């Protein structure tokens, strides 16, 4: 029987392959940890794919820069509370479904990610390249996760009273760029 979520790549296990051989070489080491954490969370939750909510949860868990953009205090606590509840009730309706709004083209070759999560990863890379950075950071992924209003990450943010446009503006301010 094939596992529902593919095994971790060498890069995600902490073993760095030679340059030019890793498709995720455009991610910072911290962002690679985020993807690994999201994969573990998806497997533990019994989900078929890593979705944008898994990525958001892992991002807030592993990346202090992304947490700072969201803000401290009750808003962050409420958001993390909703993300934790996903595996014990909230979000169970997502199990055995594919996260896909139809608004973005399907990104092929990204095994284990929902179409929206794969598109967010590509968007994070594009955002980093747009500001001249070689590797995407957590804040690039955060901006990409909130860009599609149909993303599960956006639904969770809404339930926690975190406005996605505000998150985009905070990311832009943090990076010194314009939001898109």
Protein backbone atom coordinates (compact mmCIF):
# COMPACT_ATOMS: atom_id res chain seq x y z
CA UNK A 1 0.00 0.00 0.00
CA UNK A 2 1.32 3.43 -0.96
CA UNK A 3 1.54 6.07 1.79
CA UNK A 4 -0.95 8.89 1.35
CA UNK A 5 1.71 11.54 1.97
CA UNK A 6 5.08 10.92 0.28
CA UNK A 7 8.14 10.32 2.40
CA UNK A 8 10.29 13.29 3.29
CA UNK A 9 12.89 14.29 0.76
CA UNK A 10 16.56 14.26 1.71
CA UNK A 11 16.42 18.04 2.14
CA UNK A 12 13.55 17.79 4.60
CA UNK A 13 15.39 15.16 6.64
CA UNK A 14 18.31 17.50 7.20
CA UNK A 15 20.55 15.95 4.54
CA UNK A 16 21.27 18.55 1.90
CA UNK A 17 21.61 17.15 -1.61
CA UNK A 18 24.15 18.64 -4.02
CA UNK A 19 23.25 22.02 -5.49
CA UNK A 20 21.03 21.83 -8.53
CA UNK A 21 19.35 18.59 -7.50
CA UNK A 22 16.82 19.84 -4.94
CA UNK A 23 13.59 21.31 -6.27
CA UNK A 24 13.13 23.16 -2.97
CA UNK A 25 16.58 24.76 -2.93
CA UNK A 26 14.84 28.11 -3.33
CA UNK A 27 13.47 27.78 0.22
CA UNK A 28 15.32 28.88 3.34
CA UNK A 29 16.24 26.11 5.79
CA UNK A 30 13.55 27.44 8.13
CA UNK A 31 10.90 27.15 5.43
CA UNK A 32 12.00 23.59 4.69
CA UNK A 33 11.36 22.85 8.38
CA UNK A 34 7.90 24.36 8.01
CA UNK A 35 7.08 22.00 5.13
CA UNK A 36 8.39 19.01 7.10
CA UNK A 37 6.25 20.00 10.08
CA UNK A 38 3.19 20.43 7.86
CA UNK A 39 3.79 16.96 6.38
CA UNK A 40 3.98 15.40 9.85
CA UNK A 41 0.81 17.25 10.90
CA UNK A 42 -1.08 16.04 7.79
CA UNK A 43 -0.05 12.44 8.43
CA UNK A 44 -0.97 12.67 12.11
CA UNK A 45 -4.34 14.23 11.26
CA UNK A 46 -5.08 11.50 8.72
CA UNK A 47 -5.33 13.98 5.84
CA UNK A 48 -4.65 13.00 2.25
CA UNK A 49 -2.58 16.06 1.45
CA UNK A 50 -0.78 18.95 3.06
CA UNK A 51 -3.12 21.92 2.73
CA UNK A 52 -2.73 25.63 3.39
CA UNK A 53 -3.97 25.29 6.98
CA UNK A 54 -1.25 22.69 7.70
CA UNK A 55 1.31 25.08 6.24
CA UNK A 56 -0.04 28.02 8.26
CA UNK A 57 0.00 26.02 11.49
CA UNK A 58 3.54 24.80 10.93
CA UNK A 59 4.66 28.27 9.83
CA UNK A 60 3.40 29.85 13.05
CA UNK A 61 4.97 27.04 15.04
CA UNK A 62 8.44 27.22 13.47
CA UNK A 63 8.90 30.79 12.21
CA UNK A 64 9.15 33.64 14.74
CA UNK A 65 9.20 36.20 11.91
CA UNK A 66 5.80 35.01 10.63
CA UNK A 67 4.41 34.98 14.18
CA UNK A 68 5.60 38.57 14.63
CA UNK A 69 3.78 39.63 11.45
CA UNK A 70 0.53 38.07 12.74
CA UNK A 71 1.03 39.82 16.07
CA UNK A 72 1.31 38.70 19.65
CA UNK A 73 -1.33 38.30 22.30
CA UNK A 74 -4.92 37.14 22.11
CA UNK A 75 -5.18 37.22 18.31
CA UNK A 76 -2.24 34.83 17.86
CA UNK A 77 -3.52 32.61 20.70
CA UNK A 78 -6.99 32.45 19.11
CA UNK A 79 -5.50 31.60 15.71
CA UNK A 80 -3.33 28.83 17.14
CA UNK A 81 -6.34 27.55 19.06
CA UNK A 82 -8.33 27.14 15.85
CA UNK A 83 -5.42 25.43 14.16
CA UNK A 84 -5.02 22.97 17.05
CA UNK A 85 -8.77 22.24 17.06
CA UNK A 86 -8.52 21.11 13.46
CA UNK A 87 -7.45 17.62 14.47
CA UNK A 88 -10.04 17.25 17.25
CA UNK A 89 -13.15 18.48 15.49
CA UNK A 90 -12.80 21.76 13.65
CA UNK A 91 -11.69 20.95 10.13
CA UNK A 92 -12.70 17.29 10.15
CA UNK A 93 -15.01 18.06 7.24
CA UNK A 94 -11.85 18.71 5.23
CA UNK A 95 -10.59 15.14 5.62
CA UNK A 96 -10.70 13.11 2.43
CA UNK A 97 -11.24 16.26 0.35
CA UNK A 98 -8.84 18.12 -1.89
CA UNK A 99 -8.27 21.80 -1.25
CA UNK A 100 -8.71 23.45 -4.64
CA UNK A 101 -10.54 26.68 -5.34
CA UNK A 102 -10.24 26.34 -9.10
CA UNK A 103 -8.95 29.91 -9.12
CA UNK A 104 -5.32 28.90 -9.53
CA UNK A 105 -3.77 26.57 -12.07
CA UNK A 106 -2.81 23.18 -10.72
CA UNK A 107 0.93 22.98 -10.08
CA UNK A 108 2.18 19.60 -11.21
CA UNK A 109 5.06 17.70 -9.73
CA UNK A 110 4.46 18.67 -6.10
CA UNK A 111 3.53 15.39 -4.49
CA UNK A 112 1.64 15.46 -1.23
CA UNK A 113 0.45 19.07 -1.46
CA UNK A 114 -3.08 20.21 -2.22
CA UNK A 115 -3.32 22.29 -5.40
CA UNK A 116 -3.68 25.49 -3.33
CA UNK A 117 -0.75 24.59 -1.07
CA UNK A 118 1.43 23.83 -4.10
CA UNK A 119 0.41 27.14 -5.68
CA UNK A 120 1.22 28.95 -2.41
CA UNK A 121 4.69 27.40 -2.35
CA UNK A 122 5.29 28.54 -5.94
CA UNK A 123 3.93 32.00 -5.08
CA UNK A 124 6.30 32.21 -2.09
CA UNK A 125 9.22 31.49 -4.42
CA UNK A 126 7.99 34.11 -6.88
CA UNK A 127 7.58 36.69 -4.10
CA UNK A 128 11.14 36.07 -2.94
CA UNK A 129 12.47 36.32 -6.49
CA UNK A 130 10.47 39.53 -6.98
CA UNK A 131 12.40 41.22 -4.21
CA UNK A 132 15.71 39.79 -5.44
CA UNK A 133 16.09 37.09 -2.78
CA UNK A 134 17.44 33.68 -3.73
CA UNK A 135 15.32 31.80 -1.19
CA UNK A 136 11.75 32.18 0.02
CA UNK A 137 11.27 32.92 3.70
CA UNK A 138 8.37 32.22 6.02
CA UNK A 139 6.86 35.66 5.47
CA UNK A 140 6.82 34.98 1.72
CA UNK A 141 4.81 31.84 2.38
CA UNK A 142 2.55 33.66 4.83
CA UNK A 143 1.66 36.24 2.17
CA UNK A 144 1.10 33.49 -0.39
CA UNK A 145 -1.15 31.51 1.98
CA UNK A 146 -3.54 34.43 2.46
CA UNK A 147 -3.62 35.47 -1.21
CA UNK A 148 -6.40 33.06 -2.28
CA UNK A 149 -9.68 33.71 -0.44
CA UNK A 150 -10.70 30.05 -0.96
CA UNK A 151 -7.68 28.70 0.95
CA UNK A 152 -8.29 26.83 4.18
CA UNK A 153 -5.65 29.04 5.81
CA UNK A 154 -7.82 32.07 5.00
CA UNK A 155 -10.86 30.35 6.50
CA UNK A 156 -8.97 29.69 9.72
CA UNK A 157 -7.71 33.29 9.82
CA UNK A 158 -11.27 34.53 9.39
CA UNK A 159 -12.54 32.39 12.26
CA UNK A 160 -9.79 33.87 14.44
CA UNK A 161 -10.73 37.43 13.36
CA UNK A 162 -7.45 37.95 11.49
CA UNK A 163 -8.02 39.90 8.27
CA UNK A 164 -5.96 38.50 5.33
CA UNK A 165 -5.54 41.97 3.76
CA UNK A 166 -4.06 43.18 7.04
CA UNK A 167 -1.64 40.24 7.03
CA UNK A 168 -0.58 41.10 3.45
CA UNK A 169 -0.03 44.73 4.43
CA UNK A 170 2.00 43.70 7.49
CA UNK A 171 4.16 41.38 5.38
CA UNK A 172 4.77 44.18 2.87
CA UNK A 173 5.66 46.57 5.67
CA UNK A 174 7.94 43.99 7.27
CA UNK A 175 9.76 43.34 4.00
CA UNK A 176 9.67 46.95 2.83
CA UNK A 177 7.80 45.99 -0.35
CA UNK A 178 4.38 46.69 -1.79
CA UNK A 179 1.61 44.15 -1.19
CA UNK A 180 0.12 42.41 -4.21
